[in-house]
Protein backbone atom coordinates (compact mmCIF):
# COMPACT_ATOMS: atom_id res chain seq x y z
CA UNK A 1 0.00 0.00 0.00
CA UNK A 2 1.10 3.53 -0.49
CA UNK A 3 2.27 5.60 2.43
CA UNK A 4 0.84 8.92 3.56
CA UNK A 5 2.09 11.78 5.67
CA UNK A 6 0.03 12.67 8.73
CA UNK A 7 -0.79 16.10 10.14
CA UNK A 8 2.10 15.68 12.58
CA UNK A 9 4.45 16.61 9.70
CA UNK A 10 6.76 19.47 10.67
CA UNK A 11 7.53 20.29 7.01
CA UNK A 12 11.25 19.67 7.46
CA UNK A 13 11.57 18.33 3.91
CA UNK A 14 13.84 15.42 4.86
CA UNK A 15 11.62 12.88 3.11
CA UNK A 16 11.28 14.53 -0.30
CA UNK A 17 14.79 13.85 -1.67
CA UNK A 18 14.76 10.30 -0.26
CA UNK A 19 11.82 9.15 -2.40
CA UNK A 20 13.07 7.18 -5.42
CA UNK A 21 9.80 7.79 -7.30
CA UNK A 22 9.42 11.55 -6.68
CA UNK A 23 6.12 10.77 -4.96
CA UNK A 24 6.64 13.30 -2.17
CA UNK A 25 5.97 16.98 -2.72
CA UNK A 26 5.51 20.03 -0.54
CA UNK A 27 1.86 20.78 0.16
CA UNK A 28 0.35 23.94 1.59
CA UNK A 29 1.11 23.05 5.21
CA UNK A 30 2.68 19.57 5.14
CA UNK A 31 4.40 17.31 2.64
CA UNK A 32 2.18 14.90 0.72
CA UNK A 33 2.69 11.54 -0.95
CA UNK A 34 1.11 10.79 -4.33
CA UNK A 35 -0.28 7.23 -3.95
CA UNK A 36 -0.02 6.73 -7.73
CA UNK A 37 3.77 7.03 -7.42
CA UNK A 38 4.42 5.49 -4.00
CA UNK A 39 5.74 1.93 -4.15
CA UNK A 40 6.85 1.76 -0.51
CA UNK A 41 10.33 1.83 -2.08
CA UNK A 42 9.75 -1.63 -3.57
CA UNK A 43 12.08 -1.89 -6.55
CA UNK A 44 14.56 0.63 -5.13
CA UNK A 45 15.21 -0.12 -1.46
CA UNK A 46 14.53 -2.85 1.07
CA UNK A 47 13.14 -0.30 3.56
CA UNK A 48 10.70 2.59 3.32
CA UNK A 49 12.98 5.60 3.00
CA UNK A 50 10.49 8.29 4.02
CA UNK A 51 9.57 6.44 7.21
CA UNK A 52 13.23 5.85 8.07
CA UNK A 53 14.27 9.49 7.66
CA UNK A 54 11.21 11.19 9.21
CA UNK A 55 12.14 12.76 12.56
CA UNK A 56 8.53 12.71 13.84
CA UNK A 57 7.37 9.34 12.45
CA UNK A 58 4.54 10.81 10.39
CA UNK A 59 5.07 8.64 7.27
CA UNK A 60 2.61 5.79 7.77
CA UNK A 61 0.78 3.16 5.67
CA UNK A 62 -2.23 4.54 3.80
CA UNK A 63 -4.99 1.97 4.37
CA UNK A 64 -7.07 3.58 1.62
CA UNK A 65 -4.44 2.58 -0.95
CA UNK A 66 -3.71 -1.06 -0.14
CA UNK A 67 -1.48 -2.95 -2.59
CA UNK A 68 0.50 -6.16 -2.29
CA UNK A 69 4.19 -6.56 -3.10
CA UNK A 70 3.59 -7.70 -6.69
CA UNK A 71 1.33 -4.71 -7.38
CA UNK A 72 3.93 -2.34 -5.91
CA UNK A 73 6.68 -3.88 -8.05
CA UNK A 74 4.49 -3.59 -11.16
CA UNK A 75 3.90 0.08 -10.34
CA UNK A 76 7.65 0.59 -9.91
CA UNK A 77 8.24 -0.96 -13.36
CA UNK A 78 5.71 1.47 -14.90
CA UNK A 79 7.44 4.40 -13.21
CA UNK A 80 10.92 3.23 -14.26
CA UNK A 81 10.56 1.76 -17.77
CA UNK A 82 13.61 -0.03 -19.07
CA UNK A 83 15.26 -0.24 -15.63
CA UNK A 84 15.76 -3.35 -13.57
CA UNK A 85 14.69 -3.24 -9.93
CA UNK A 86 17.55 -2.80 -7.50
CA UNK A 87 15.61 -4.76 -4.88
CA UNK A 88 12.79 -7.16 -5.66
C-alpha atoms as a PDB file:
ATOM      1  CA  UNK A   1       0.000   0.000   0.000  1.00  0.00           C
ATOM      2  CA  UNK A   2       1.101   3.531  -0.491  1.00  0.00           C
ATOM      3  CA  UNK A   3       2.270   5.601   2.427  1.00  0.00           C
ATOM      4  CA  UNK A   4       0.838   8.916   3.561  1.00  0.00           C
ATOM      5  CA  UNK A   5       2.091  11.780   5.673  1.00  0.00           C
ATOM      6  CA  UNK A   6       0.030  12.669   8.725  1.00  0.00           C
ATOM      7  CA  UNK A   7      -0.786  16.100  10.137  1.00  0.00           C
ATOM      8  CA  UNK A   8       2.101  15.684  12.584  1.00  0.00           C
ATOM      9  CA  UNK A   9       4.452  16.606   9.699  1.00  0.00           C
ATOM     10  CA  UNK A  10       6.758  19.474  10.668  1.00  0.00           C
ATOM     11  CA  UNK A  11       7.535  20.288   7.006  1.00  0.00           C
ATOM     12  CA  UNK A  12      11.250  19.672   7.457  1.00  0.00           C
ATOM     13  CA  UNK A  13      11.572  18.330   3.913  1.00  0.00           C
ATOM     14  CA  UNK A  14      13.835  15.416   4.863  1.00  0.00           C
ATOM     15  CA  UNK A  15      11.617  12.884   3.112  1.00  0.00           C
ATOM     16  CA  UNK A  16      11.276  14.527  -0.305  1.00  0.00           C
ATOM     17  CA  UNK A  17      14.791  13.848  -1.673  1.00  0.00           C
ATOM     18  CA  UNK A  18      14.763  10.303  -0.263  1.00  0.00           C
ATOM     19  CA  UNK A  19      11.824   9.150  -2.401  1.00  0.00           C
ATOM     20  CA  UNK A  20      13.067   7.175  -5.422  1.00  0.00           C
ATOM     21  CA  UNK A  21       9.799   7.791  -7.298  1.00  0.00           C
ATOM     22  CA  UNK A  22       9.423  11.550  -6.681  1.00  0.00           C
ATOM     23  CA  UNK A  23       6.125  10.769  -4.965  1.00  0.00           C
ATOM     24  CA  UNK A  24       6.637  13.301  -2.171  1.00  0.00           C
ATOM     25  CA  UNK A  25       5.973  16.981  -2.717  1.00  0.00           C
ATOM     26  CA  UNK A  26       5.509  20.028  -0.536  1.00  0.00           C
ATOM     27  CA  UNK A  27       1.861  20.784   0.157  1.00  0.00           C
ATOM     28  CA  UNK A  28       0.351  23.938   1.592  1.00  0.00           C
ATOM     29  CA  UNK A  29       1.107  23.054   5.210  1.00  0.00           C
ATOM     30  CA  UNK A  30       2.676  19.572   5.141  1.00  0.00           C
ATOM     31  CA  UNK A  31       4.399  17.313   2.644  1.00  0.00           C
ATOM     32  CA  UNK A  32       2.180  14.901   0.722  1.00  0.00           C
ATOM     33  CA  UNK A  33       2.692  11.536  -0.947  1.00  0.00           C
ATOM     34  CA  UNK A  34       1.108  10.785  -4.327  1.00  0.00           C
ATOM     35  CA  UNK A  35      -0.282   7.233  -3.954  1.00  0.00           C
ATOM     36  CA  UNK A  36      -0.018   6.726  -7.726  1.00  0.00           C
ATOM     37  CA  UNK A  37       3.766   7.034  -7.423  1.00  0.00           C
ATOM     38  CA  UNK A  38       4.417   5.491  -4.001  1.00  0.00           C
ATOM     39  CA  UNK A  39       5.741   1.929  -4.151  1.00  0.00           C
ATOM     40  CA  UNK A  40       6.855   1.763  -0.508  1.00  0.00           C
ATOM     41  CA  UNK A  41      10.327   1.832  -2.078  1.00  0.00           C
ATOM     42  CA  UNK A  42       9.753  -1.632  -3.569  1.00  0.00           C
ATOM     43  CA  UNK A  43      12.085  -1.887  -6.546  1.00  0.00           C
ATOM     44  CA  UNK A  44      14.557   0.629  -5.126  1.00  0.00           C
ATOM     45  CA  UNK A  45      15.215  -0.120  -1.459  1.00  0.00           C
ATOM     46  CA  UNK A  46      14.531  -2.846   1.073  1.00  0.00           C
ATOM     47  CA  UNK A  47      13.141  -0.305   3.555  1.00  0.00           C
ATOM     48  CA  UNK A  48      10.699   2.587   3.319  1.00  0.00           C
ATOM     49  CA  UNK A  49      12.984   5.600   3.002  1.00  0.00           C
ATOM     50  CA  UNK A  50      10.489   8.291   4.023  1.00  0.00           C
ATOM     51  CA  UNK A  51       9.567   6.439   7.211  1.00  0.00           C
ATOM     52  CA  UNK A  52      13.227   5.847   8.071  1.00  0.00           C
ATOM     53  CA  UNK A  53      14.269   9.493   7.660  1.00  0.00           C
ATOM     54  CA  UNK A  54      11.209  11.188   9.213  1.00  0.00           C
ATOM     55  CA  UNK A  55      12.141  12.761  12.560  1.00  0.00           C
ATOM     56  CA  UNK A  56       8.533  12.712  13.841  1.00  0.00           C
ATOM     57  CA  UNK A  57       7.371   9.341  12.453  1.00  0.00           C
ATOM     58  CA  UNK A  58       4.541  10.811  10.390  1.00  0.00           C
ATOM     59  CA  UNK A  59       5.067   8.638   7.270  1.00  0.00           C
ATOM     60  CA  UNK A  60       2.611   5.785   7.766  1.00  0.00           C
ATOM     61  CA  UNK A  61       0.785   3.158   5.668  1.00  0.00           C
ATOM     62  CA  UNK A  62      -2.230   4.538   3.802  1.00  0.00           C
ATOM     63  CA  UNK A  63      -4.992   1.966   4.370  1.00  0.00           C
ATOM     64  CA  UNK A  64      -7.071   3.578   1.616  1.00  0.00           C
ATOM     65  CA  UNK A  65      -4.441   2.582  -0.954  1.00  0.00           C
ATOM     66  CA  UNK A  66      -3.705  -1.065  -0.140  1.00  0.00           C
ATOM     67  CA  UNK A  67      -1.476  -2.953  -2.595  1.00  0.00           C
ATOM     68  CA  UNK A  68       0.499  -6.163  -2.294  1.00  0.00           C
ATOM     69  CA  UNK A  69       4.193  -6.556  -3.101  1.00  0.00           C
ATOM     70  CA  UNK A  70       3.592  -7.701  -6.686  1.00  0.00           C
ATOM     71  CA  UNK A  71       1.329  -4.706  -7.376  1.00  0.00           C
ATOM     72  CA  UNK A  72       3.926  -2.335  -5.912  1.00  0.00           C
ATOM     73  CA  UNK A  73       6.677  -3.877  -8.046  1.00  0.00           C
ATOM     74  CA  UNK A  74       4.494  -3.586 -11.165  1.00  0.00           C
ATOM     75  CA  UNK A  75       3.896   0.083 -10.341  1.00  0.00           C
ATOM     76  CA  UNK A  76       7.655   0.592  -9.909  1.00  0.00           C
ATOM     77  CA  UNK A  77       8.241  -0.963 -13.357  1.00  0.00           C
ATOM     78  CA  UNK A  78       5.711   1.470 -14.898  1.00  0.00           C
ATOM     79  CA  UNK A  79       7.442   4.404 -13.210  1.00  0.00           C
ATOM     80  CA  UNK A  80      10.923   3.235 -14.256  1.00  0.00           C
ATOM     81  CA  UNK A  81      10.561   1.764 -17.770  1.00  0.00           C
ATOM     82  CA  UNK A  82      13.614  -0.028 -19.072  1.00  0.00           C
ATOM     83  CA  UNK A  83      15.257  -0.244 -15.633  1.00  0.00           C
ATOM     84  CA  UNK A  84      15.764  -3.353 -13.571  1.00  0.00           C
ATOM     85  CA  UNK A  85      14.686  -3.245  -9.927  1.00  0.00           C
ATOM     86  CA  UNK A  86      17.553  -2.803  -7.498  1.00  0.00           C
ATOM     87  CA  UNK A  87      15.613  -4.760  -4.876  1.00  0.00           C
ATOM     88  CA  UNK A  88      12.786  -7.162  -5.663  1.00  0.00           C
END
